[in-house]
Amino acid sequence: MRIAIMGTGGVGGYYGGLLSRKGQEVIFIARGAHLQAIREKGLQVNSVHGDFLVSPAKATADPAEVGPVDLILFTTKTYHTDIAAQAIKPMVGKDTVVVPLLNGIDAAERIGAYVGREHLVGGVTWLSAAIGGPGVIGQYSQFQRVVLGEFDGKLTPRLQTIYETLQTTGITVELSDDISKVLWTKFVFISAISALGSLTRATIGEYRQVPETREVLTEAIREVAAVAQARGVKLEGDLVEKTLEFIDNAIPDMKTSMQRDVETGRPSELESMIGVVPRLGRQSGVATPVMRLAYAVLKPGNLKA
């Protein structure tokens, strides 16, 4: 397949690197010193599953230079979604498939507004990875999982092809007939811990043990789940309990990427990770006091970043 990686950060760089190793034609969209290093030295991936170098690596800052591709893995930060969605238009041909692997729950809707919703296949990933320096990707988690699904629940030939292509890399790949449920199930977890972590500046191992903080964390989980259910998403009945169990089993020094951005004064994914909850809550008639407060407290710092 001819595959473009729109946003060669941790997720895009890692999955793109794996696909390139398996003989796929991968073009990395990057910029600045990161792009220059990839062009000159290749893409170095340092992973808990084994280090490797993609060299030579095809890379550009301009999607218009690439032309139509078979697959676009859309892996930017959520606050770049609209600009990046506009930029990928020259790479979208008649049969091009776009798979967003972003945080949040509204990526397909936002990207589809620019390229057509018919090009979108739903995607969710569990991966800890980040840029470790120009031309370098660090990958830190034992888990490396992707779930894919058509938004109408059908098993289509294009979905099967993407599934088989990703499977060759050795990561865990699954298909779902209810990708919206998968997206929201992950979002319930990541939104709540992004809020509590960013507010407390503590690791997950520290704040999950404090009774008062755990109570607020539980309320945040319930609020996000209630918004999903009000919008017609069929979540598991014991999702709150399972999410807390997952949090209790997480490595104690865990922090979300949003929390790390907040702590270092960088722009964060506040709007897509937290702000979207009270916005959708108001539309659906669901009260979200914890998430509304988290958004209000964190927003001034995000405006300064």
Protein backbone atom coordinates (compact mmCIF):
# COMPACT_ATOMS: atom_id res chain seq x y z
CA MET A 1 0.00 0.00 0.00
CA ARG A 2 0.95 3.62 -0.46
CA ILE A 3 0.53 5.13 3.01
CA ALA A 4 0.87 8.71 4.24
CA ILE A 5 1.49 9.49 7.91
CA MET A 6 -0.13 12.85 8.60
CA GLY A 7 1.74 13.93 11.71
CA THR A 8 4.98 12.07 12.41
CA GLY A 9 4.85 12.26 16.19
CA GLY A 10 4.94 9.33 18.58
CA VAL A 11 1.93 7.43 17.22
CA GLY A 12 2.42 8.22 13.55
CA GLY A 13 6.18 7.78 13.62
CA TYR A 14 5.97 4.43 15.40
CA TYR A 15 3.22 2.85 13.30
CA GLY A 16 4.61 4.38 10.11
CA GLY A 17 8.04 3.01 10.94
CA LEU A 18 6.65 -0.48 11.50
CA LEU A 19 4.74 -0.37 8.22
CA SER A 20 7.83 0.80 6.34
CA ARG A 21 9.83 -2.10 7.79
CA LYS A 22 7.25 -4.48 6.33
CA GLY A 23 7.73 -3.14 2.82
CA GLN A 24 4.88 -0.66 2.59
CA GLU A 25 5.54 2.62 0.76
CA VAL A 26 5.29 5.10 3.62
CA ILE A 27 5.54 8.87 3.30
CA PHE A 28 6.03 10.78 6.54
CA ILE A 29 4.55 14.29 6.81
CA ALA A 30 6.68 16.24 9.25
CA ARG A 31 8.21 19.68 9.67
CA GLY A 32 11.18 21.63 10.98
CA ALA A 33 14.21 19.94 12.48
CA HIS A 34 12.31 16.66 12.77
CA LEU A 35 11.72 16.59 9.00
CA GLN A 36 15.31 17.55 8.24
CA ALA A 37 16.68 14.77 10.46
CA ILE A 38 14.37 12.15 8.91
CA ARG A 39 15.48 13.18 5.43
CA GLU A 40 19.18 13.17 6.30
CA LYS A 41 19.49 10.22 8.69
CA GLY A 42 16.21 8.31 8.46
CA LEU A 43 13.67 7.74 11.22
CA GLN A 44 15.13 6.15 14.36
CA VAL A 45 12.64 4.25 16.53
CA ASN A 46 13.69 3.36 20.07
CA SER A 47 11.12 0.90 21.37
CA VAL A 48 10.61 -1.49 24.27
CA HIS A 49 9.86 -4.03 21.55
CA GLY A 50 13.20 -3.46 19.80
CA ASP A 51 14.96 -0.49 18.21
CA PHE A 52 15.12 0.00 14.45
CA LEU A 53 15.99 2.57 11.81
CA VAL A 54 13.94 3.42 8.73
CA SER A 55 16.50 4.56 6.19
CA PRO A 56 16.09 5.98 3.68
CA ALA A 57 12.75 7.44 4.73
CA LYS A 58 10.42 9.39 2.47
CA ALA A 59 9.40 12.61 4.19
CA THR A 60 7.97 16.00 3.27
CA ALA A 61 6.27 18.99 4.85
CA ASP A 62 3.89 19.41 1.91
CA PRO A 63 1.12 16.83 1.33
CA ALA A 64 0.59 18.30 -2.14
CA GLU A 65 3.96 16.80 -3.14
CA VAL A 66 2.72 13.31 -2.27
CA GLY A 67 -0.41 13.00 -4.40
CA PRO A 68 -3.17 10.43 -3.85
CA VAL A 69 -2.41 7.52 -1.54
CA ASP A 70 -4.26 4.36 -0.49
CA LEU A 71 -4.28 5.09 3.24
CA ILE A 72 -3.72 8.11 5.46
CA LEU A 73 -3.00 7.51 9.14
CA PHE A 74 -4.07 10.82 10.66
CA THR A 75 -2.00 11.24 13.82
CA THR A 76 -1.68 14.95 14.58
CA LYS A 77 -2.46 16.66 17.87
CA THR A 78 -6.19 17.34 18.11
CA TYR A 79 -5.70 21.13 18.03
CA HIS A 80 -4.16 20.74 14.55
CA THR A 81 -7.04 18.62 13.23
CA ASP A 82 -8.75 21.22 11.05
CA ILE A 83 -5.56 22.64 9.53
CA ALA A 84 -4.23 19.12 8.87
CA ALA A 85 -7.56 17.95 7.43
CA GLN A 86 -7.46 20.81 4.93
CA ALA A 87 -3.82 19.98 4.10
CA ILE A 88 -4.44 16.29 3.28
CA LYS A 89 -6.93 17.02 0.50
CA PRO A 90 -4.33 16.61 -2.31
CA MET A 91 -3.56 13.09 -0.97
CA VAL A 92 -7.21 11.98 -1.02
CA GLY A 93 -8.14 10.18 -4.21
CA LYS A 94 -11.35 8.38 -5.09
CA ASP A 95 -10.56 5.29 -2.97
CA THR A 96 -8.31 6.80 -0.30
CA VAL A 97 -9.12 5.77 3.27
CA VAL A 98 -8.37 8.07 6.22
CA VAL A 99 -7.98 6.50 9.67
CA PRO A 100 -7.72 8.99 12.56
CA LEU A 101 -5.70 7.71 15.52
CA LEU A 102 -6.20 10.75 17.73
CA ASN A 103 -7.30 11.43 21.25
CA GLY A 104 -10.90 12.59 21.61
CA ILE A 105 -14.12 11.50 19.95
CA ASP A 106 -14.84 14.02 17.17
CA ALA A 107 -11.95 13.51 14.74
CA ALA A 108 -13.92 11.71 12.01
CA GLU A 109 -16.61 14.38 11.98
CA ARG A 110 -14.06 17.20 11.76
CA ILE A 111 -11.86 15.55 9.10
CA GLY A 112 -14.88 14.40 7.11
CA ALA A 113 -16.04 17.99 6.78
CA TYR A 114 -12.98 18.63 4.59
CA VAL A 115 -12.47 15.39 2.64
CA GLY A 116 -15.86 13.69 2.80
CA ARG A 117 -17.09 11.38 5.55
CA GLU A 118 -17.15 8.46 3.07
CA HIS A 119 -13.32 8.36 3.22
CA LEU A 120 -13.23 7.85 7.00
CA VAL A 121 -12.79 4.59 8.88
CA GLY A 122 -12.88 4.76 12.66
CA GLY A 123 -9.70 4.05 14.57
CA VAL A 124 -8.66 3.89 18.21
CA THR A 125 -5.16 3.21 19.52
CA TRP A 126 -3.53 2.41 22.85
CA LEU A 127 0.17 3.34 22.68
CA SER A 128 2.71 5.30 24.67
CA ALA A 129 5.13 7.01 22.29
CA ALA A 130 6.58 10.47 21.69
CA ILE A 131 9.20 12.33 19.71
CA GLY A 132 12.49 11.81 21.51
CA GLY A 133 14.40 14.37 19.45
CA PRO A 134 14.72 15.35 15.79
CA GLY A 135 14.29 12.19 13.73
CA VAL A 136 13.81 10.01 16.81
CA ILE A 137 10.67 8.29 18.12
CA GLY A 138 10.51 6.79 21.61
CA GLN A 139 7.96 4.02 22.24
CA TYR A 140 7.47 3.05 25.89
CA SER A 141 4.47 0.76 26.41
CA GLN A 142 4.13 -2.99 26.20
CA PHE A 143 0.67 -2.35 24.72
CA GLN A 144 0.52 -1.39 21.04
CA ARG A 145 -3.10 -1.87 20.07
CA VAL A 146 -5.34 -0.56 17.30
CA VAL A 147 -9.09 -1.12 16.88
CA LEU A 148 -10.70 -0.35 13.52
CA GLY A 149 -14.30 -0.18 12.38
CA GLU A 150 -16.65 1.25 9.80
CA PHE A 151 -19.07 3.73 11.37
CA ASP A 152 -22.03 1.75 10.03
CA GLY A 153 -20.67 -1.46 11.58
CA LYS A 154 -20.15 -3.28 8.29
CA LEU A 155 -17.13 -5.47 7.50
CA THR A 156 -15.99 -3.98 4.20
CA PRO A 157 -13.15 -5.01 1.87
CA ARG A 158 -11.26 -1.79 2.60
CA LEU A 159 -11.51 -2.41 6.34
CA GLN A 160 -10.23 -5.97 5.91
CA THR A 161 -7.30 -4.74 3.82
CA ILE A 162 -6.21 -2.16 6.42
CA TYR A 163 -6.60 -4.76 9.18
CA GLU A 164 -4.40 -7.27 7.35
CA THR A 165 -1.80 -4.61 6.52
CA LEU A 166 -1.47 -3.47 10.13
CA GLN A 167 -1.42 -7.07 11.37
CA THR A 168 1.82 -7.72 9.49
CA THR A 169 3.62 -5.29 11.82
CA GLY A 170 3.09 -7.50 14.89
CA ILE A 171 0.92 -5.06 16.82
CA THR A 172 -2.47 -6.05 18.23
CA VAL A 173 -5.18 -5.19 15.69
CA GLU A 174 -8.90 -5.75 16.19
CA LEU A 175 -12.09 -5.07 14.24
CA SER A 176 -15.24 -3.70 15.83
CA ASP A 177 -18.83 -3.50 14.61
CA ASP A 178 -19.43 -0.61 17.04
CA ILE A 179 -16.43 1.69 16.74
CA SER A 180 -18.27 4.59 18.41
CA LYS A 181 -18.58 2.47 21.55
CA VAL A 182 -14.84 1.74 21.46
CA LEU A 183 -14.00 5.42 20.94
CA TRP A 184 -16.14 6.51 23.87
CA THR A 185 -14.98 3.68 26.13
CA LYS A 186 -11.40 4.85 25.75
CA PHE A 187 -12.45 8.49 25.99
CA VAL A 188 -14.20 7.95 29.32
CA PHE A 189 -10.85 6.80 30.74
CA ILE A 190 -8.46 9.21 29.04
CA SER A 191 -10.64 12.29 29.50
CA ALA A 192 -11.12 11.72 33.23
CA ILE A 193 -7.46 11.03 34.02
CA SER A 194 -6.34 13.92 31.81
CA ALA A 195 -8.54 16.20 33.89
CA LEU A 196 -7.45 14.91 37.31
CA GLY A 197 -3.81 14.60 36.36
CA SER A 198 -3.65 18.09 34.90
CA LEU A 199 -5.39 19.57 37.93
CA THR A 200 -3.31 17.77 40.57
CA ARG A 201 0.03 17.66 38.67
CA ALA A 202 0.43 14.25 40.33
CA THR A 203 1.02 10.82 38.85
CA ILE A 204 -1.86 8.40 38.52
CA GLY A 205 -0.35 6.31 41.32
CA GLU A 206 -0.41 9.30 43.64
CA TYR A 207 -3.90 10.71 43.09
CA ARG A 208 -5.78 7.41 42.74
CA GLN A 209 -4.92 6.59 46.38
CA VAL A 210 -6.28 9.82 47.90
CA PRO A 211 -9.93 9.17 48.91
CA GLU A 212 -11.16 12.69 48.19
CA THR A 213 -9.42 12.82 44.83
CA ARG A 214 -10.59 9.33 43.90
CA GLU A 215 -14.17 10.39 44.60
CA VAL A 216 -13.85 13.32 42.20
CA LEU A 217 -12.15 11.06 39.63
CA THR A 218 -15.08 8.65 39.86
CA GLU A 219 -17.53 11.49 39.32
CA ALA A 220 -15.59 12.63 36.25
CA ILE A 221 -15.77 9.10 34.80
CA ARG A 222 -19.52 9.01 35.44
CA GLU A 223 -20.05 12.38 33.78
CA VAL A 224 -18.24 11.43 30.57
CA ALA A 225 -20.08 8.09 30.43
CA ALA A 226 -23.43 9.86 30.96
CA VAL A 227 -22.74 12.21 28.04
CA ALA A 228 -21.94 9.23 25.80
CA GLN A 229 -25.11 7.41 26.79
CA ALA A 230 -27.22 10.52 26.26
CA ARG A 231 -25.87 10.65 22.71
CA GLY A 232 -26.98 7.08 22.02
CA VAL A 233 -23.69 5.25 22.64
CA LYS A 234 -24.28 1.83 24.20
CA LEU A 235 -21.58 1.51 26.85
CA GLU A 236 -21.08 -1.48 29.13
CA GLY A 237 -23.14 -1.31 32.32
CA ASP A 238 -20.08 -1.74 34.53
CA LEU A 239 -17.85 0.69 32.61
CA VAL A 240 -17.23 2.94 35.62
CA GLU A 241 -16.02 0.01 37.73
CA LYS A 242 -13.88 -1.38 34.87
CA THR A 243 -12.35 2.04 34.24
CA LEU A 244 -11.40 2.40 37.90
CA GLU A 245 -9.93 -1.10 37.85
CA PHE A 246 -7.87 -0.18 34.78
CA ILE A 247 -6.67 2.96 36.56
CA ASP A 248 -5.71 0.92 39.63
CA ASN A 249 -3.66 -1.46 37.46
CA ALA A 250 -1.90 1.30 35.49
CA ILE A 251 1.79 1.91 36.11
CA PRO A 252 2.02 4.31 39.08
CA ASP A 253 4.14 6.96 37.35
CA MET A 254 1.73 7.32 34.42
CA LYS A 255 0.79 10.79 33.14
CA THR A 256 -1.24 11.55 30.01
CA SER A 257 0.31 13.49 27.16
CA MET A 258 -2.11 16.33 27.89
CA GLN A 259 -0.96 16.47 31.51
CA ARG A 260 2.68 16.60 30.43
CA ASP A 261 1.89 19.46 28.05
CA VAL A 262 0.04 21.36 30.79
CA GLU A 263 2.92 20.88 33.24
CA THR A 264 5.51 22.16 30.78
CA GLY A 265 3.45 25.11 29.54
CA ARG A 266 2.96 23.76 26.02
CA PRO A 267 -0.34 23.99 24.12
CA SER A 268 -2.53 21.08 25.20
CA GLU A 269 -5.47 19.12 23.85
CA LEU A 270 -7.76 20.74 26.43
CA GLU A 271 -10.61 21.45 24.04
CA SER A 272 -10.86 17.91 22.64
CA MET A 273 -10.06 16.08 25.85
CA ILE A 274 -12.01 18.05 28.44
CA GLY A 275 -13.84 21.04 26.97
CA VAL A 276 -15.86 18.82 24.65
CA VAL A 277 -17.51 17.09 27.63
CA PRO A 278 -19.39 20.10 29.07
CA ARG A 279 -20.18 21.30 25.52
CA LEU A 280 -21.81 18.01 24.56
CA GLY A 281 -23.32 17.76 28.04
CA ARG A 282 -25.15 21.04 27.55
CA GLN A 283 -26.43 19.87 24.15
CA SER A 284 -27.67 16.60 25.66
CA GLY A 285 -29.05 17.96 28.92
CA VAL A 286 -26.40 16.21 31.07
CA ALA A 287 -24.81 18.00 34.02
CA THR A 288 -20.99 17.77 34.07
CA PRO A 289 -19.87 19.84 37.10
CA VAL A 290 -16.47 18.18 37.57
CA MET A 291 -15.46 18.38 33.92
CA ARG A 292 -16.87 21.90 33.61
CA LEU A 293 -14.76 23.01 36.57
CA ALA A 294 -11.65 21.25 35.23
CA TYR A 295 -12.06 23.02 31.89
CA ALA A 296 -12.58 26.42 33.53
CA VAL A 297 -9.52 26.03 35.79
CA LEU A 298 -7.19 24.78 33.05
CA LYS A 299 -8.27 27.09 30.22
CA PRO A 300 -6.37 30.25 31.32
CA GLY A 301 -3.08 28.35 31.32
CA ASN A 302 -3.83 26.90 27.88
CA LEU A 303 -4.45 30.38 26.47
CA LYS A 304 -0.98 31.45 27.64
CA ALA A 305 0.78 28.44 26.06
